Amino acid sequence: MRTDELFLEADAALRSVIDRIDPADLSKQAPQEWTSTPDPTFRDIVFAHAYDEAWVPGVLAGKSIADGDEYRNADLLGDDPIASYDRLNDTATAAVREDNAATTFRFQYGDYSAEEGFAHLATYRAFQAWLIAKHLGIPFHMSPELIAGLNENVVPHADEWRQFGVFPPAIEPLADADDETRLLCTLGFWIP
């Protein structure tokens, strides 16, 4: 699977979870380790994803934070955070489907090829979808295509990325674990 396709799969998975967040849950406390925002709520988490979606067209055009950050202090969520996120997601999806990505993605933490950059973006979205769903009790399973794409494009880099703090230590899966559980264990995300 190409990594732009992996991004689209992961982005759709995250949207499917965000779209099912009960608006009353937006004020609930979110895990502190998910963000640098002090005392985060799930609205803060949705904002982080809206912010990330807002940046996708710029990243594809070769822009970086060094060029200016018009989104950091913007009210990206307004009175309807989920609908606002969806609009930004639509724009990001359309930009990726146009297939005009810069050859280098200039992230805050470094420059990467478009292929690797899409894998980074997909990884963040896929595991946040799973974590948000797990935390809020939203029924969710990764699609077989998303699992296969992550196994192909992310798992081979797991130990390298683990050294940078992206993944926690691997967990030994049970012998009868399904593909999703095996993936989550390999990347250290499994929570029974």
Protein backbone atom coordinates (compact mmCIF):
# COMPACT_ATOMS: atom_id res chain seq x y z
CA MET A 1 0.00 0.00 0.00
CA ARG A 2 1.33 3.45 -0.90
CA THR A 3 1.70 5.69 2.13
CA ASP A 4 -0.67 8.34 0.75
CA GLU A 5 -3.32 5.58 0.60
CA LEU A 6 -2.36 4.58 4.16
CA PHE A 7 -2.85 8.20 5.22
CA LEU A 8 -6.34 8.26 3.70
CA GLU A 9 -7.27 5.00 5.47
CA ALA A 10 -5.97 6.26 8.84
CA ASP A 11 -7.54 9.69 8.38
CA ALA A 12 -10.92 8.09 7.61
CA ALA A 13 -10.59 5.89 10.71
CA LEU A 14 -9.88 8.90 12.92
CA ARG A 15 -12.81 10.80 11.42
CA SER A 16 -15.12 7.86 12.04
CA VAL A 17 -14.20 8.01 15.73
CA ILE A 18 -14.34 11.80 16.08
CA ASP A 19 -17.73 11.85 14.36
CA ARG A 20 -19.05 9.53 17.08
CA ILE A 21 -17.78 11.53 20.05
CA ASP A 22 -20.75 12.63 22.12
CA PRO A 23 -20.51 16.46 22.32
CA ALA A 24 -20.93 16.12 26.10
CA ASP A 25 -17.67 14.12 26.15
CA LEU A 26 -15.69 17.03 24.71
CA SER A 27 -15.42 18.54 28.18
CA LYS A 28 -14.14 15.27 29.72
CA GLN A 29 -10.55 15.06 30.86
CA ALA A 30 -8.22 13.48 28.28
CA PRO A 31 -4.98 11.68 29.16
CA GLN A 32 -2.17 14.17 29.75
CA GLU A 33 0.33 12.03 27.84
CA TRP A 34 -1.58 12.64 24.61
CA THR A 35 -0.69 16.34 24.47
CA SER A 36 1.46 19.12 25.90
CA THR A 37 -1.69 21.12 26.70
CA PRO A 38 -2.08 21.27 30.48
CA ASP A 39 -5.19 19.51 31.85
CA PRO A 40 -6.45 18.56 28.38
CA THR A 41 -10.05 17.85 27.55
CA PHE A 42 -11.29 15.89 24.56
CA ARG A 43 -12.10 19.24 22.93
CA ASP A 44 -8.35 19.95 23.15
CA ILE A 45 -7.67 16.60 21.49
CA VAL A 46 -10.16 17.35 18.70
CA PHE A 47 -8.50 20.78 18.31
CA ALA A 48 -5.10 19.08 17.95
CA HIS A 49 -6.49 16.92 15.16
CA ALA A 50 -8.25 19.87 13.51
CA TYR A 51 -4.95 21.75 13.65
CA ASP A 52 -3.15 18.80 12.09
CA GLU A 53 -5.77 18.55 9.33
CA ALA A 54 -5.52 22.30 8.66
CA TRP A 55 -1.78 21.89 8.05
CA VAL A 56 -2.03 19.02 5.56
CA PRO A 57 -2.46 21.18 2.40
CA GLY A 58 0.49 23.35 3.45
CA VAL A 59 2.70 20.35 4.19
CA LEU A 60 1.83 18.93 0.77
CA ALA A 61 2.88 22.25 -0.74
CA GLY A 62 6.25 22.13 1.06
CA LYS A 63 5.45 24.69 3.78
CA SER A 64 6.57 24.42 7.37
CA ILE A 65 5.94 26.05 10.74
CA ALA A 66 9.01 28.18 10.01
CA ASP A 67 6.96 29.84 7.26
CA GLY A 68 4.39 30.99 9.84
CA ASP A 69 1.63 29.34 11.83
CA GLU A 70 -1.77 30.84 11.09
CA TYR A 71 -3.61 28.01 12.87
CA ARG A 72 -2.05 27.79 16.36
CA ASN A 73 -4.20 30.52 17.91
CA ALA A 74 -7.11 30.36 15.47
CA ASP A 75 -10.56 29.25 16.55
CA LEU A 76 -10.62 26.14 14.38
CA LEU A 77 -13.54 24.50 16.19
CA GLY A 78 -16.12 27.26 16.71
CA ASP A 79 -19.50 26.33 18.16
CA ASP A 80 -19.64 22.92 16.47
CA PRO A 81 -16.23 21.29 16.99
CA ILE A 82 -17.00 18.03 15.21
CA ALA A 83 -18.48 19.68 12.11
CA SER A 84 -15.52 22.08 12.04
CA TYR A 85 -13.10 19.17 12.24
CA ASP A 86 -15.00 17.44 9.42
CA ARG A 87 -14.63 20.49 7.15
CA LEU A 88 -10.87 20.58 7.74
CA ASN A 89 -10.71 16.82 7.18
CA ASP A 90 -12.55 17.21 3.86
CA THR A 91 -10.02 19.81 2.75
CA ALA A 92 -7.05 17.66 3.79
CA THR A 93 -8.51 14.59 2.06
CA ALA A 94 -9.06 16.54 -1.16
CA ALA A 95 -5.49 17.88 -1.03
CA VAL A 96 -4.04 14.37 -0.64
CA ARG A 97 -6.20 13.01 -3.46
CA GLU A 98 -4.90 15.73 -5.81
CA ASP A 99 -1.59 13.84 -5.74
CA ASN A 100 0.66 16.89 -5.87
CA ALA A 101 2.65 16.34 -2.69
CA ALA A 102 5.98 18.05 -2.22
CA THR A 103 8.90 15.65 -2.34
CA THR A 104 9.88 16.77 1.18
CA PHE A 105 7.53 17.16 4.12
CA ARG A 106 8.88 19.79 6.50
CA PHE A 107 7.63 18.86 9.97
CA GLN A 108 8.57 20.65 13.20
CA TYR A 109 10.77 17.68 14.10
CA GLY A 110 12.58 17.41 10.77
CA ASP A 111 12.34 16.97 7.02
CA TYR A 112 11.16 13.67 5.54
CA SER A 113 10.38 12.26 2.14
CA ALA A 114 6.69 12.40 1.20
CA GLU A 115 6.55 8.61 1.49
CA GLU A 116 7.83 8.63 5.06
CA GLY A 117 5.91 11.80 5.91
CA PHE A 118 2.60 10.19 4.96
CA ALA A 119 3.53 7.20 7.15
CA HIS A 120 4.12 9.56 10.10
CA LEU A 121 0.77 11.28 9.57
CA ALA A 122 -1.03 7.96 9.19
CA THR A 123 0.52 6.51 12.34
CA TYR A 124 -0.59 9.45 14.47
CA ARG A 125 -4.14 9.24 13.15
CA ALA A 126 -4.53 5.46 13.33
CA PHE A 127 -3.43 5.08 16.92
CA GLN A 128 -5.24 8.18 18.12
CA ALA A 129 -8.43 6.77 16.57
CA TRP A 130 -7.93 3.56 18.54
CA LEU A 131 -6.98 5.33 21.78
CA ILE A 132 -9.84 7.85 21.68
CA ALA A 133 -12.35 5.10 20.92
CA LYS A 134 -10.97 2.88 23.69
CA HIS A 135 -10.97 5.74 26.22
CA LEU A 136 -14.50 6.94 25.42
CA GLY A 137 -16.05 3.51 24.86
CA ILE A 138 -16.73 4.08 21.15
CA PRO A 139 -16.94 0.79 19.23
CA PHE A 140 -14.03 0.76 16.78
CA HIS A 141 -11.74 -1.66 15.00
CA MET A 142 -9.12 -0.83 12.42
CA SER A 143 -10.02 -2.00 8.93
CA PRO A 144 -8.06 -4.93 7.46
CA GLU A 145 -6.62 -2.48 4.90
CA LEU A 146 -5.41 -0.11 7.62
CA ILE A 147 -3.86 -2.99 9.59
CA ALA A 148 -2.11 -4.29 6.47
CA GLY A 149 -0.85 -0.82 5.55
CA LEU A 150 0.53 -0.20 9.05
CA ASN A 151 2.17 -3.63 9.08
CA GLU A 152 3.79 -2.87 5.73
CA ASN A 153 4.83 0.75 6.28
CA VAL A 154 5.17 1.30 10.03
CA VAL A 155 6.02 -1.97 11.77
CA PRO A 156 9.39 -2.30 9.94
CA HIS A 157 10.40 1.04 11.52
CA ALA A 158 8.97 0.32 14.99
CA ASP A 159 12.28 -0.21 16.79
CA GLU A 160 13.83 2.88 15.18
CA TRP A 161 10.78 5.02 16.05
CA ARG A 162 10.67 3.51 19.54
CA GLN A 163 14.14 5.01 20.16
CA PHE A 164 12.62 8.45 19.46
CA GLY A 165 9.78 7.83 21.92
CA VAL A 166 7.07 7.33 19.29
CA PHE A 167 6.14 3.84 20.52
CA PRO A 168 6.25 2.28 23.96
CA PRO A 169 7.87 -1.14 24.42
CA ALA A 170 6.35 -4.03 22.50
CA ILE A 171 3.96 -6.37 24.29
CA GLU A 172 3.82 -10.12 23.74
CA PRO A 173 0.42 -10.95 22.23
CA LEU A 174 -1.58 -13.98 23.25
CA ALA A 175 -1.28 -16.93 20.85
CA ASP A 176 -4.87 -16.52 19.63
CA ALA A 177 -4.68 -12.71 19.18
CA ASP A 178 -6.33 -11.24 16.09
CA ASP A 179 -4.44 -9.11 13.54
CA GLU A 180 -5.41 -5.81 15.18
CA THR A 181 -4.27 -6.97 18.62
CA ARG A 182 -0.99 -8.29 17.19
CA LEU A 183 -0.35 -4.91 15.55
CA LEU A 184 -1.21 -3.02 18.73
CA CYS A 185 1.07 -5.30 20.77
CA THR A 186 3.95 -4.95 18.30
CA LEU A 187 3.75 -1.18 18.60
CA GLY A 188 3.12 -1.20 22.37
CA PHE A 189 -0.42 0.15 22.32
CA TRP A 190 -2.47 -2.83 23.45
CA ILE A 191 -4.72 -2.16 26.44
CA PRO A 192 -6.83 -5.18 27.47
